[in-house]
N, C-alpha and C. Protein backbone atom coordinates (compact mmCIF):
# COMPACT_ATOMS: atom_id res chain seq x y z
N MET A 1 -198.36 184.48 -46.31
CA MET A 1 -199.14 183.30 -45.96
C MET A 1 -200.33 183.75 -45.13
N ARG A 2 -201.49 183.27 -45.51
CA ARG A 2 -202.73 183.70 -44.86
C ARG A 2 -202.78 183.27 -43.39
N LYS A 3 -202.47 182.02 -43.10
CA LYS A 3 -202.52 181.51 -41.73
C LYS A 3 -201.10 181.44 -41.18
N LYS A 4 -200.70 182.47 -40.46
CA LYS A 4 -199.33 182.57 -39.95
C LYS A 4 -198.96 181.42 -39.02
N GLU A 5 -199.95 180.82 -38.36
CA GLU A 5 -199.64 179.71 -37.45
C GLU A 5 -199.16 178.47 -38.20
N TYR A 6 -199.36 178.41 -39.51
CA TYR A 6 -198.89 177.29 -40.33
C TYR A 6 -197.49 177.54 -40.89
N GLU A 7 -197.02 178.76 -40.82
CA GLU A 7 -195.76 179.13 -41.46
C GLU A 7 -194.56 178.58 -40.68
N ILE A 8 -193.58 178.07 -41.42
CA ILE A 8 -192.30 177.65 -40.85
C ILE A 8 -191.28 178.71 -41.27
N THR A 9 -190.68 179.36 -40.27
CA THR A 9 -189.69 180.40 -40.58
C THR A 9 -188.27 179.98 -40.24
N ASP A 10 -188.14 178.94 -39.45
CA ASP A 10 -186.82 178.46 -39.02
C ASP A 10 -186.13 177.76 -40.20
N LEU A 11 -185.00 178.29 -40.65
CA LEU A 11 -184.29 177.73 -41.79
C LEU A 11 -183.85 176.29 -41.53
N ALA A 12 -183.48 175.97 -40.30
CA ALA A 12 -183.07 174.60 -39.98
C ALA A 12 -184.23 173.62 -40.18
N GLU A 13 -185.43 174.02 -39.82
CA GLU A 13 -186.60 173.16 -40.02
C GLU A 13 -186.93 173.03 -41.51
N ILE A 14 -186.79 174.12 -42.25
CA ILE A 14 -187.00 174.08 -43.70
C ILE A 14 -185.99 173.13 -44.35
N GLU A 15 -184.73 173.24 -43.95
CA GLU A 15 -183.70 172.35 -44.51
C GLU A 15 -183.95 170.90 -44.12
N ALA A 16 -184.46 170.66 -42.92
CA ALA A 16 -184.77 169.29 -42.50
C ALA A 16 -185.84 168.68 -43.40
N ILE A 17 -186.81 169.48 -43.80
CA ILE A 17 -187.84 169.00 -44.72
C ILE A 17 -187.23 168.69 -46.09
N LEU A 18 -186.39 169.59 -46.58
CA LEU A 18 -185.73 169.35 -47.87
C LEU A 18 -184.88 168.07 -47.83
N LEU A 19 -184.22 167.82 -46.73
CA LEU A 19 -183.36 166.65 -46.61
C LEU A 19 -184.16 165.36 -46.43
N LYS A 20 -185.38 165.46 -45.92
CA LYS A 20 -186.21 164.27 -45.70
C LYS A 20 -187.03 163.89 -46.93
N ALA A 21 -187.39 164.84 -47.75
CA ALA A 21 -188.27 164.58 -48.89
C ALA A 21 -187.64 163.64 -49.90
N ASP A 22 -188.48 162.81 -50.51
CA ASP A 22 -188.01 161.87 -51.53
C ASP A 22 -188.16 162.42 -52.95
N ILE A 23 -189.13 163.28 -53.15
CA ILE A 23 -189.43 163.80 -54.48
C ILE A 23 -189.54 165.32 -54.43
N CYS A 24 -188.98 165.96 -55.42
CA CYS A 24 -189.12 167.41 -55.58
C CYS A 24 -189.88 167.64 -56.88
N ARG A 25 -190.92 168.43 -56.81
CA ARG A 25 -191.67 168.79 -58.01
C ARG A 25 -191.12 170.13 -58.50
N LEU A 26 -190.63 170.12 -59.73
CA LEU A 26 -190.01 171.30 -60.32
C LEU A 26 -190.95 171.88 -61.36
N ALA A 27 -191.30 173.15 -61.18
CA ALA A 27 -192.23 173.83 -62.08
C ALA A 27 -191.47 174.84 -62.93
N MET A 28 -191.81 174.85 -64.21
CA MET A 28 -191.19 175.75 -65.19
C MET A 28 -192.30 176.40 -65.99
N THR A 29 -191.93 177.35 -66.85
CA THR A 29 -192.90 177.99 -67.72
C THR A 29 -192.41 177.92 -69.15
N ASP A 30 -193.23 177.33 -70.00
CA ASP A 30 -192.96 177.23 -71.43
C ASP A 30 -193.82 178.27 -72.13
N GLY A 31 -193.24 179.46 -72.35
CA GLY A 31 -194.06 180.57 -72.86
C GLY A 31 -195.02 180.97 -71.77
N ASP A 32 -196.31 180.77 -72.01
CA ASP A 32 -197.30 181.07 -70.97
C ASP A 32 -197.97 179.80 -70.44
N VAL A 33 -197.34 178.65 -70.67
CA VAL A 33 -197.90 177.37 -70.23
C VAL A 33 -197.03 176.79 -69.12
N PRO A 34 -197.62 176.51 -67.95
CA PRO A 34 -196.84 175.89 -66.87
C PRO A 34 -196.54 174.43 -67.18
N TYR A 35 -195.41 173.96 -66.66
CA TYR A 35 -195.00 172.57 -66.82
C TYR A 35 -194.30 172.15 -65.54
N MET A 36 -194.72 171.02 -64.96
CA MET A 36 -194.13 170.57 -63.71
C MET A 36 -193.82 169.09 -63.79
N VAL A 37 -192.67 168.71 -63.21
CA VAL A 37 -192.26 167.30 -63.20
C VAL A 37 -191.77 166.90 -61.81
N PRO A 38 -192.07 165.66 -61.40
CA PRO A 38 -191.51 165.14 -60.14
C PRO A 38 -190.14 164.56 -60.42
N LEU A 39 -189.18 164.88 -59.56
CA LEU A 39 -187.80 164.45 -59.79
C LEU A 39 -187.14 163.98 -58.50
N ASN A 40 -186.20 163.05 -58.64
CA ASN A 40 -185.28 162.77 -57.55
C ASN A 40 -184.32 163.94 -57.48
N PHE A 41 -183.75 164.17 -56.31
CA PHE A 41 -182.92 165.37 -56.15
C PHE A 41 -181.97 165.22 -54.98
N GLY A 42 -181.11 166.19 -54.87
CA GLY A 42 -180.24 166.34 -53.72
C GLY A 42 -180.26 167.80 -53.30
N TYR A 43 -179.97 168.06 -52.04
CA TYR A 43 -179.96 169.44 -51.52
C TYR A 43 -178.68 169.67 -50.74
N ARG A 44 -178.04 170.82 -50.99
CA ARG A 44 -176.89 171.23 -50.19
C ARG A 44 -176.63 172.71 -50.42
N ASP A 45 -176.35 173.41 -49.34
CA ASP A 45 -175.93 174.82 -49.41
C ASP A 45 -176.87 175.69 -50.25
N ARG A 46 -178.15 175.63 -49.92
CA ARG A 46 -179.19 176.45 -50.59
C ARG A 46 -179.25 176.22 -52.10
N ALA A 47 -178.98 174.97 -52.49
CA ALA A 47 -179.09 174.60 -53.90
C ALA A 47 -179.68 173.20 -54.02
N LEU A 48 -180.50 173.01 -55.05
CA LEU A 48 -181.05 171.71 -55.40
C LEU A 48 -180.31 171.18 -56.61
N TYR A 49 -180.14 169.87 -56.67
CA TYR A 49 -179.47 169.24 -57.80
C TYR A 49 -180.36 168.14 -58.35
N PHE A 50 -180.48 168.10 -59.67
CA PHE A 50 -181.28 167.09 -60.36
C PHE A 50 -180.43 166.47 -61.46
N HIS A 51 -180.67 165.20 -61.76
CA HIS A 51 -180.02 164.58 -62.91
C HIS A 51 -181.10 164.14 -63.89
N THR A 52 -180.78 164.22 -65.15
CA THR A 52 -181.74 163.89 -66.19
C THR A 52 -180.98 163.54 -67.46
N GLY A 53 -181.71 163.16 -68.48
CA GLY A 53 -181.10 162.91 -69.78
C GLY A 53 -180.68 164.22 -70.43
N LEU A 54 -179.98 164.10 -71.53
CA LEU A 54 -179.45 165.28 -72.21
C LEU A 54 -180.49 166.02 -73.05
N ALA A 55 -181.61 165.39 -73.31
CA ALA A 55 -182.63 166.03 -74.15
C ALA A 55 -184.00 165.76 -73.56
N GLY A 56 -184.93 166.64 -73.87
CA GLY A 56 -186.30 166.46 -73.40
C GLY A 56 -186.97 167.80 -73.17
N LYS A 57 -188.22 167.73 -72.83
CA LYS A 57 -189.03 168.94 -72.69
C LYS A 57 -188.49 169.89 -71.62
N LYS A 58 -188.12 169.35 -70.44
CA LYS A 58 -187.65 170.26 -69.38
C LYS A 58 -186.34 170.95 -69.77
N ILE A 59 -185.48 170.22 -70.48
CA ILE A 59 -184.23 170.82 -70.95
C ILE A 59 -184.53 171.96 -71.92
N ASP A 60 -185.43 171.71 -72.86
CA ASP A 60 -185.81 172.74 -73.84
C ASP A 60 -186.39 173.97 -73.16
N ILE A 61 -187.26 173.75 -72.18
CA ILE A 61 -187.88 174.87 -71.46
C ILE A 61 -186.83 175.67 -70.69
N LEU A 62 -185.97 174.97 -69.94
CA LEU A 62 -184.97 175.65 -69.11
C LEU A 62 -183.95 176.43 -69.92
N LYS A 63 -183.69 176.00 -71.13
CA LYS A 63 -182.78 176.76 -72.00
C LYS A 63 -183.39 178.10 -72.40
N LYS A 64 -184.72 178.17 -72.45
CA LYS A 64 -185.41 179.41 -72.82
C LYS A 64 -185.74 180.27 -71.60
N ASN A 65 -186.03 179.62 -70.47
CA ASN A 65 -186.44 180.34 -69.26
C ASN A 65 -185.99 179.53 -68.06
N ASN A 66 -184.97 180.01 -67.36
CA ASN A 66 -184.40 179.23 -66.25
C ASN A 66 -185.01 179.55 -64.89
N VAL A 67 -186.04 180.38 -64.84
CA VAL A 67 -186.70 180.69 -63.57
C VAL A 67 -187.65 179.55 -63.23
N VAL A 68 -187.49 179.00 -62.02
CA VAL A 68 -188.28 177.83 -61.61
C VAL A 68 -188.91 178.04 -60.24
N CYS A 69 -189.87 177.19 -59.97
CA CYS A 69 -190.48 177.07 -58.65
C CYS A 69 -190.42 175.59 -58.29
N PHE A 70 -190.32 175.29 -57.01
CA PHE A 70 -190.26 173.89 -56.59
C PHE A 70 -191.07 173.70 -55.32
N VAL A 71 -191.47 172.46 -55.10
CA VAL A 71 -192.18 172.10 -53.87
C VAL A 71 -191.80 170.70 -53.46
N VAL A 72 -191.61 170.52 -52.15
CA VAL A 72 -191.44 169.20 -51.55
C VAL A 72 -192.38 169.12 -50.37
N ASP A 73 -192.80 167.89 -50.05
CA ASP A 73 -193.64 167.72 -48.86
C ASP A 73 -193.29 166.40 -48.19
N VAL A 74 -193.49 166.36 -46.88
CA VAL A 74 -193.20 165.18 -46.08
C VAL A 74 -194.29 165.01 -45.02
N ASP A 75 -194.32 163.84 -44.44
CA ASP A 75 -195.21 163.54 -43.31
C ASP A 75 -196.69 163.75 -43.63
N ALA A 76 -197.09 163.50 -44.87
CA ALA A 76 -198.50 163.67 -45.25
C ALA A 76 -199.35 162.57 -44.63
N GLU A 77 -200.46 162.99 -44.05
CA GLU A 77 -201.38 162.04 -43.42
C GLU A 77 -202.78 162.62 -43.47
N LEU A 78 -203.71 161.82 -43.95
CA LEU A 78 -205.10 162.23 -44.01
C LEU A 78 -205.68 162.31 -42.61
N VAL A 79 -206.39 163.39 -42.31
CA VAL A 79 -207.10 163.57 -41.05
C VAL A 79 -208.58 163.37 -41.34
N ARG A 80 -209.14 162.31 -40.80
CA ARG A 80 -210.55 161.99 -41.06
C ARG A 80 -211.46 162.73 -40.08
N SER A 81 -212.71 162.84 -40.48
CA SER A 81 -213.69 163.54 -39.67
C SER A 81 -215.06 162.90 -39.86
N ASP A 82 -215.96 163.21 -38.96
CA ASP A 82 -217.35 162.76 -39.11
C ASP A 82 -218.15 163.69 -40.00
N THR A 83 -217.59 164.85 -40.31
CA THR A 83 -218.29 165.81 -41.17
C THR A 83 -217.58 165.92 -42.51
N ALA A 84 -218.36 166.21 -43.54
CA ALA A 84 -217.83 166.24 -44.91
C ALA A 84 -216.68 167.24 -45.06
N CYS A 85 -216.81 168.40 -44.52
CA CYS A 85 -215.77 169.42 -44.69
C CYS A 85 -214.78 169.44 -43.52
N GLY A 86 -214.85 168.45 -42.67
CA GLY A 86 -213.94 168.37 -41.54
C GLY A 86 -212.65 167.64 -41.85
N TYR A 87 -212.58 167.00 -43.01
CA TYR A 87 -211.36 166.31 -43.41
C TYR A 87 -210.24 167.32 -43.62
N GLY A 88 -209.03 166.86 -43.46
CA GLY A 88 -207.88 167.71 -43.69
C GLY A 88 -206.63 166.87 -43.88
N MET A 89 -205.49 167.51 -43.86
CA MET A 89 -204.21 166.83 -44.01
C MET A 89 -203.23 167.34 -42.97
N LYS A 90 -202.41 166.43 -42.49
CA LYS A 90 -201.22 166.80 -41.73
C LYS A 90 -200.08 166.75 -42.74
N TYR A 91 -199.17 167.71 -42.68
CA TYR A 91 -198.03 167.71 -43.60
C TYR A 91 -197.05 168.78 -43.19
N ARG A 92 -195.86 168.69 -43.76
CA ARG A 92 -194.88 169.76 -43.74
C ARG A 92 -194.42 169.92 -45.18
N SER A 93 -194.29 171.16 -45.63
CA SER A 93 -193.90 171.38 -47.02
C SER A 93 -192.98 172.59 -47.13
N VAL A 94 -192.27 172.62 -48.26
CA VAL A 94 -191.40 173.74 -48.59
C VAL A 94 -191.68 174.12 -50.04
N VAL A 95 -191.86 175.40 -50.26
CA VAL A 95 -192.03 175.94 -51.61
C VAL A 95 -190.96 177.01 -51.80
N GLY A 96 -190.33 177.00 -52.97
CA GLY A 96 -189.29 177.98 -53.21
C GLY A 96 -189.16 178.33 -54.68
N THR A 97 -188.34 179.32 -54.93
CA THR A 97 -188.05 179.75 -56.29
C THR A 97 -186.54 179.83 -56.47
N GLY A 98 -186.12 179.80 -57.71
CA GLY A 98 -184.70 179.91 -58.00
C GLY A 98 -184.46 179.95 -59.48
N LYS A 99 -183.18 179.89 -59.82
CA LYS A 99 -182.77 179.89 -61.22
C LYS A 99 -181.96 178.63 -61.48
N ALA A 100 -182.34 177.95 -62.56
CA ALA A 100 -181.68 176.71 -62.94
C ALA A 100 -180.48 177.00 -63.83
N GLU A 101 -179.44 176.21 -63.64
CA GLU A 101 -178.28 176.28 -64.53
C GLU A 101 -177.83 174.86 -64.82
N PHE A 102 -177.24 174.68 -65.97
CA PHE A 102 -176.72 173.37 -66.36
C PHE A 102 -175.26 173.27 -65.91
N VAL A 103 -174.93 172.18 -65.25
CA VAL A 103 -173.57 171.95 -64.77
C VAL A 103 -172.83 171.18 -65.86
N ALA A 104 -171.75 171.77 -66.35
CA ALA A 104 -171.00 171.17 -67.47
C ALA A 104 -169.70 170.51 -67.03
N ASP A 105 -169.02 171.07 -66.04
CA ASP A 105 -167.72 170.58 -65.61
C ASP A 105 -167.85 169.16 -65.03
N PRO A 106 -167.06 168.19 -65.52
CA PRO A 106 -167.15 166.81 -65.02
C PRO A 106 -166.94 166.69 -63.51
N ASP A 107 -166.04 167.45 -62.93
CA ASP A 107 -165.83 167.39 -61.47
C ASP A 107 -167.05 167.90 -60.72
N GLU A 108 -167.65 168.95 -61.23
CA GLU A 108 -168.87 169.49 -60.61
C GLU A 108 -170.03 168.53 -60.77
N LYS A 109 -170.10 167.85 -61.93
CA LYS A 109 -171.14 166.84 -62.13
C LYS A 109 -170.99 165.72 -61.12
N ARG A 110 -169.75 165.29 -60.90
CA ARG A 110 -169.48 164.23 -59.92
C ARG A 110 -169.94 164.66 -58.52
N LYS A 111 -169.61 165.87 -58.13
CA LYS A 111 -170.03 166.38 -56.82
C LYS A 111 -171.55 166.41 -56.72
N ALA A 112 -172.21 166.87 -57.79
CA ALA A 112 -173.67 166.94 -57.79
C ALA A 112 -174.29 165.55 -57.69
N LEU A 113 -173.75 164.60 -58.44
CA LEU A 113 -174.26 163.23 -58.35
C LEU A 113 -174.04 162.64 -56.96
N ASP A 114 -172.90 162.97 -56.33
CA ASP A 114 -172.66 162.53 -54.96
C ASP A 114 -173.71 163.12 -54.01
N ILE A 115 -174.08 164.37 -54.22
CA ILE A 115 -175.10 165.01 -53.38
C ILE A 115 -176.44 164.30 -53.59
N ILE A 116 -176.79 164.03 -54.84
CA ILE A 116 -178.06 163.35 -55.13
C ILE A 116 -178.05 161.94 -54.53
N MET A 117 -176.98 161.19 -54.77
CA MET A 117 -176.90 159.83 -54.23
C MET A 117 -176.90 159.85 -52.70
N GLY A 118 -176.24 160.83 -52.10
CA GLY A 118 -176.21 160.95 -50.65
C GLY A 118 -177.57 161.25 -50.05
N HIS A 119 -178.44 161.83 -50.86
CA HIS A 119 -179.80 162.12 -50.39
C HIS A 119 -180.59 160.83 -50.14
N TYR A 120 -180.27 159.79 -50.89
CA TYR A 120 -181.03 158.54 -50.83
C TYR A 120 -180.27 157.39 -50.19
N SER A 121 -179.01 157.58 -49.86
CA SER A 121 -178.20 156.50 -49.32
C SER A 121 -177.18 157.05 -48.34
N ARG A 122 -176.79 156.24 -47.40
CA ARG A 122 -175.77 156.64 -46.44
C ARG A 122 -174.37 156.27 -46.93
N GLN A 123 -174.29 155.64 -48.09
CA GLN A 123 -172.97 155.26 -48.63
C GLN A 123 -172.14 156.52 -48.85
N ALA A 124 -170.90 156.47 -48.43
CA ALA A 124 -170.04 157.66 -48.47
C ALA A 124 -169.45 157.94 -49.85
N ALA A 125 -169.06 156.91 -50.56
CA ALA A 125 -168.38 157.13 -51.84
C ALA A 125 -169.07 156.33 -52.93
N TRP A 126 -169.06 156.89 -54.12
CA TRP A 126 -169.69 156.25 -55.27
C TRP A 126 -168.71 156.22 -56.43
N GLU A 127 -168.78 155.16 -57.18
CA GLU A 127 -168.01 155.05 -58.41
C GLU A 127 -168.98 155.22 -59.58
N TYR A 128 -168.59 156.01 -60.55
CA TYR A 128 -169.42 156.24 -61.73
C TYR A 128 -168.66 155.82 -62.97
N ARG A 129 -169.36 155.28 -63.93
CA ARG A 129 -168.74 155.01 -65.23
C ARG A 129 -168.38 156.35 -65.84
N GLU A 130 -167.22 156.42 -66.45
CA GLU A 130 -166.78 157.71 -67.02
C GLU A 130 -167.77 158.26 -68.04
N ASN A 131 -168.40 157.40 -68.83
CA ASN A 131 -169.36 157.92 -69.81
C ASN A 131 -170.66 158.40 -69.16
N SER A 132 -170.82 158.16 -67.85
CA SER A 132 -172.00 158.66 -67.14
C SER A 132 -172.10 160.18 -67.23
N PHE A 133 -170.96 160.84 -67.17
CA PHE A 133 -170.96 162.30 -67.17
C PHE A 133 -171.28 162.84 -68.56
N GLU A 134 -170.94 162.10 -69.58
CA GLU A 134 -171.25 162.52 -70.95
C GLU A 134 -172.73 162.31 -71.27
N ARG A 135 -173.38 161.34 -70.62
CA ARG A 135 -174.77 160.99 -70.92
C ARG A 135 -175.76 161.60 -69.94
N THR A 136 -175.26 162.33 -68.96
CA THR A 136 -176.12 162.85 -67.90
C THR A 136 -176.10 164.37 -67.88
N CYS A 137 -177.27 164.94 -67.78
CA CYS A 137 -177.40 166.38 -67.60
C CYS A 137 -177.64 166.63 -66.11
N ILE A 138 -176.89 167.55 -65.55
CA ILE A 138 -177.08 167.95 -64.16
C ILE A 138 -177.64 169.36 -64.16
N ILE A 139 -178.74 169.52 -63.44
CA ILE A 139 -179.36 170.84 -63.28
C ILE A 139 -179.18 171.26 -61.83
N LYS A 140 -178.64 172.44 -61.64
CA LYS A 140 -178.49 173.02 -60.31
C LYS A 140 -179.45 174.19 -60.20
N VAL A 141 -180.23 174.22 -59.13
CA VAL A 141 -181.12 175.35 -58.88
C VAL A 141 -180.62 176.06 -57.63
N ALA A 142 -180.08 177.25 -57.83
CA ALA A 142 -179.70 178.10 -56.70
C ALA A 142 -181.00 178.72 -56.16
N ILE A 143 -181.28 178.47 -54.90
CA ILE A 143 -182.55 178.91 -54.30
C ILE A 143 -182.49 180.39 -53.98
N ASP A 144 -183.46 181.13 -54.52
CA ASP A 144 -183.58 182.56 -54.25
C ASP A 144 -184.46 182.83 -53.03
N ALA A 145 -185.57 182.13 -52.93
CA ALA A 145 -186.53 182.33 -51.85
C ALA A 145 -187.15 180.99 -51.48
N VAL A 146 -187.46 180.85 -50.20
CA VAL A 146 -188.04 179.59 -49.74
C VAL A 146 -188.97 179.87 -48.56
N LYS A 147 -190.08 179.10 -48.50
CA LYS A 147 -191.03 179.22 -47.39
C LYS A 147 -191.43 177.82 -46.95
N GLY A 148 -191.68 177.65 -45.68
CA GLY A 148 -192.15 176.39 -45.16
C GLY A 148 -193.55 176.51 -44.60
N LYS A 149 -194.25 175.39 -44.59
CA LYS A 149 -195.63 175.38 -44.06
C LYS A 149 -195.87 174.03 -43.41
N LYS A 150 -196.65 174.03 -42.32
CA LYS A 150 -197.03 172.79 -41.67
C LYS A 150 -198.47 172.88 -41.20
N ALA A 151 -199.12 171.74 -41.22
CA ALA A 151 -200.49 171.65 -40.73
C ALA A 151 -200.63 170.35 -39.96
N GLY A 152 -201.44 170.40 -38.93
CA GLY A 152 -201.72 169.20 -38.15
C GLY A 152 -200.71 168.94 -37.08
């Protein structure tokens, strides 16, 4: 990172950002073409969890190349200025890399869905329709590397 004063190195602060963020942008590579999508997610134990349909572009890409990059950001606020180039942003963000895998086991899918639902709600227990697991693809990204950054 060019500006070391912006770097977040404390893992607890990085995890706090991951737990606060509402959207995770997941980047993949389709051959030599980048592809990125915003997704709802859950985070636990250095892993991200996403739910999606059983078919689609991201599924096709991940089956060919499971190496991904992700970014989340929180607390974004425009900083105004009287000068044209004096504008800036306040924010905290996390960027990381990892490998995606498809979760097939129904019990593991249930745990992953609980993690995702827990990210957005304080409700402790969830009931799922049994066919939910047959119609839902769960993607787990084990995080290999992660960096945090803050400005403002």
